[in-house]
Amino acid sequence: MTQLLNPKKKERDILAIYDRHVDAVYRVCYSFMKNKAEAEDMTQETFLKLLSCNQEFENERHEKAWLIVTASNLCKDALKKWWRKNEDIDDYPGLAQPGQDMDNYVLDAILRLPEDYKEAVYLYYYEGYTTAEIAVHAGCAEGSIRSRLSRARKMLQTMLGGGRK
């Protein structure tokens, strides 16, 4: 049996990291998975990955960035699974929970963006990362991130009916 908890990480350190970042990780996972149950599963997977990694963080911003990138990658991998492509939405009647705010059309529009655009929008507007920081995490040029943000804004404008006069 492999040891799950890295001996370098003390239990209180892991709990502190969890408390600081669980909400942000959940939001990232929800933006990909689009339902509560799968977002919770991916959040759990992200923190399990943290338990078993040898990553040393420079500061809280670095640990948050690592968790967001890890959560994004885990969600992308989960979405690529062959069984997800064969699912029928009718098999999941309980995904829309009663009492949820179904009128959040802006969030709904953001969730319909292509993955690269959605990730850039989330990191820039919701997490406050700069385009340079996002570029490092995405492994592309800063200009590419600025282009994604610009295209995403235009797409959102169209989706939300905010054309110029």
Protein backbone atom coordinates (compact mmCIF):
# COMPACT_ATOMS: atom_id res chain seq x y z
CA MET A 1 0.00 0.00 0.00
CA THR A 2 1.43 3.38 -0.96
CA GLN A 3 1.62 6.13 1.57
CA LEU A 4 -0.85 8.85 0.58
CA LEU A 5 0.31 11.71 2.80
CA ASN A 6 3.64 13.22 1.91
CA PRO A 7 5.75 13.22 5.10
CA LYS A 8 6.93 16.77 4.37
CA LYS A 9 3.41 18.08 4.70
CA LYS A 10 1.98 18.18 8.17
CA GLU A 11 -1.71 17.61 8.66
CA ARG A 12 -2.28 21.15 9.90
CA ASP A 13 -0.53 22.56 6.81
CA ILE A 14 -2.79 20.59 4.49
CA LEU A 15 -5.88 21.65 6.43
CA ALA A 16 -4.78 25.29 6.27
CA ILE A 17 -4.25 25.08 2.50
CA TYR A 18 -7.64 23.39 2.14
CA ASP A 19 -9.39 26.08 4.20
CA ARG A 20 -7.74 28.86 2.20
CA HIS A 21 -8.47 27.53 -1.26
CA VAL A 22 -11.33 25.02 -1.28
CA ASP A 23 -13.86 27.60 -2.52
CA ALA A 24 -11.66 28.71 -5.43
CA VAL A 25 -10.91 25.09 -6.40
CA TYR A 26 -14.62 24.23 -6.27
CA ARG A 27 -15.49 27.20 -8.51
CA VAL A 28 -12.89 26.09 -11.08
CA CYS A 29 -14.21 22.53 -11.00
CA TYR A 30 -17.82 23.68 -11.28
CA SER A 31 -16.96 25.84 -14.28
CA PHE A 32 -15.75 22.71 -16.09
CA MET A 33 -18.07 20.02 -14.78
CA LYS A 34 -21.25 22.14 -14.69
CA ASN A 35 -22.85 20.23 -11.81
CA LYS A 36 -22.40 20.10 -8.08
CA ALA A 37 -21.68 16.39 -7.62
CA GLU A 38 -18.93 16.19 -10.23
CA ALA A 39 -17.45 19.51 -9.11
CA GLU A 40 -17.23 18.15 -5.56
CA ASP A 41 -15.57 14.97 -6.85
CA MET A 42 -12.99 16.93 -8.83
CA THR A 43 -12.34 19.22 -5.85
CA GLN A 44 -11.65 16.14 -3.75
CA GLU A 45 -9.36 14.73 -6.46
CA THR A 46 -7.42 18.00 -6.54
CA PHE A 47 -6.73 17.91 -2.81
CA LEU A 48 -5.85 14.21 -2.97
CA LYS A 49 -3.29 15.14 -5.60
CA LEU A 50 -1.94 17.77 -3.19
CA LEU A 51 -1.57 15.14 -0.47
CA SER A 52 0.59 12.93 -2.65
CA CYS A 53 2.74 15.56 -4.39
CA ASN A 54 6.21 16.75 -3.46
CA GLN A 55 5.49 20.35 -4.43
CA GLU A 56 6.86 23.05 -2.13
CA PHE A 57 5.04 26.37 -2.45
CA GLU A 58 6.75 29.75 -2.33
CA ASN A 59 3.68 31.53 -0.96
CA GLU A 60 -0.13 31.35 -0.82
CA ARG A 61 -0.48 32.74 -4.34
CA HIS A 62 1.78 29.98 -5.68
CA GLU A 63 -0.17 27.25 -3.87
CA LYS A 64 -3.46 28.68 -5.17
CA ALA A 65 -2.13 28.79 -8.73
CA TRP A 66 -0.93 25.17 -8.44
CA LEU A 67 -4.33 24.06 -7.15
CA ILE A 68 -6.21 25.91 -9.92
CA VAL A 69 -4.03 24.48 -12.68
CA THR A 70 -4.24 20.99 -11.15
CA ALA A 71 -8.04 21.24 -10.80
CA SER A 72 -8.34 22.45 -14.41
CA ASN A 73 -6.21 19.60 -15.70
CA LEU A 74 -8.09 16.97 -13.68
CA CYS A 75 -11.42 18.30 -14.96
CA LYS A 76 -10.21 18.37 -18.56
CA ASP A 77 -9.01 14.78 -18.22
CA ALA A 78 -12.33 13.71 -16.71
CA LEU A 79 -14.24 15.37 -19.54
CA LYS A 80 -12.18 13.44 -22.11
CA LYS A 81 -13.20 10.05 -20.73
CA TRP A 82 -14.99 7.92 -23.28
CA TRP A 83 -17.97 7.18 -21.03
CA ARG A 84 -18.79 10.88 -20.69
CA LYS A 85 -19.21 11.15 -24.45
CA ASN A 86 -21.89 8.46 -24.33
CA GLU A 87 -23.93 9.97 -21.51
CA ASP A 88 -27.45 11.20 -22.10
CA ILE A 89 -28.58 14.31 -20.26
CA ASP A 90 -31.93 12.60 -19.64
CA ASP A 91 -30.09 10.19 -17.32
CA TYR A 92 -29.50 13.06 -14.89
CA PRO A 93 -32.86 14.62 -14.00
CA GLY A 94 -31.62 15.88 -10.63
CA LEU A 95 -28.75 18.03 -11.84
CA ALA A 96 -30.73 21.24 -11.74
CA GLN A 97 -31.46 21.54 -8.05
CA PRO A 98 -34.68 23.15 -6.87
CA GLY A 99 -34.10 26.59 -5.46
CA GLN A 100 -30.94 27.27 -7.45
CA ASP A 101 -30.70 30.63 -9.13
CA MET A 102 -31.41 29.59 -12.71
CA ASP A 103 -31.54 33.22 -13.81
CA ASN A 104 -27.80 33.73 -13.67
CA TYR A 105 -27.51 34.20 -17.41
CA VAL A 106 -24.04 35.77 -17.25
CA LEU A 107 -22.53 32.74 -15.51
CA ASP A 108 -24.41 30.46 -17.88
CA ALA A 109 -22.93 32.34 -20.84
CA ILE A 110 -19.41 32.09 -19.39
CA LEU A 111 -19.85 28.35 -18.90
CA ARG A 112 -20.77 27.97 -22.59
CA LEU A 113 -17.51 29.55 -23.76
CA PRO A 114 -14.83 27.29 -25.28
CA GLU A 115 -12.54 25.83 -22.60
CA ASP A 116 -9.53 28.09 -23.30
CA TYR A 117 -11.68 31.21 -23.20
CA LYS A 118 -13.59 30.09 -20.11
CA GLU A 119 -10.36 29.37 -18.24
CA ALA A 120 -8.84 32.74 -19.19
CA VAL A 121 -12.01 34.62 -18.17
CA TYR A 122 -12.22 32.78 -14.87
CA LEU A 123 -8.59 33.31 -13.92
CA TYR A 124 -8.57 36.95 -15.00
CA TYR A 125 -11.93 38.21 -13.71
CA TYR A 126 -12.72 35.86 -10.84
CA GLU A 127 -9.27 35.06 -9.43
CA GLY A 128 -7.51 38.33 -10.33
CA TYR A 129 -4.53 36.88 -12.18
CA THR A 130 -2.69 39.04 -14.70
CA THR A 131 -2.46 38.02 -18.34
CA ALA A 132 1.25 37.29 -17.81
CA GLU A 133 0.49 34.93 -14.90
CA ILE A 134 -2.24 33.17 -16.87
CA ALA A 135 0.12 32.75 -19.82
CA VAL A 136 2.69 31.03 -17.61
CA HIS A 137 0.06 28.61 -16.26
CA ALA A 138 -1.43 27.96 -19.69
CA GLY A 139 1.97 27.54 -21.32
CA CYS A 140 1.39 30.10 -24.06
CA ALA A 141 2.25 33.69 -24.94
CA GLU A 142 0.74 36.58 -23.01
CA GLY A 143 -0.64 37.95 -26.29
CA SER A 144 -2.59 34.72 -26.74
CA ILE A 145 -4.25 35.23 -23.37
CA ARG A 146 -5.15 38.83 -24.23
CA SER A 147 -6.62 37.58 -27.52
CA ARG A 148 -8.65 34.91 -25.73
CA LEU A 149 -10.00 37.48 -23.30
CA SER A 150 -10.90 39.85 -26.12
CA ARG A 151 -12.64 37.11 -28.12
CA ALA A 152 -14.41 35.87 -24.99
CA ARG A 153 -15.74 39.38 -24.27
CA LYS A 154 -17.06 39.64 -27.84
CA MET A 155 -18.68 36.22 -27.59
CA LEU A 156 -20.27 37.12 -24.25
CA GLN A 157 -21.52 40.40 -25.69
CA THR A 158 -23.20 38.50 -28.50
CA MET A 159 -24.60 35.83 -26.18
CA LEU A 160 -26.00 38.39 -23.78
CA GLY A 161 -27.49 40.59 -26.51
CA GLY A 162 -25.29 43.60 -25.83
CA GLY A 163 -24.49 44.65 -29.38
CA ARG A 164 -23.20 48.17 -30.08
CA LYS A 165 -25.46 50.78 -31.61
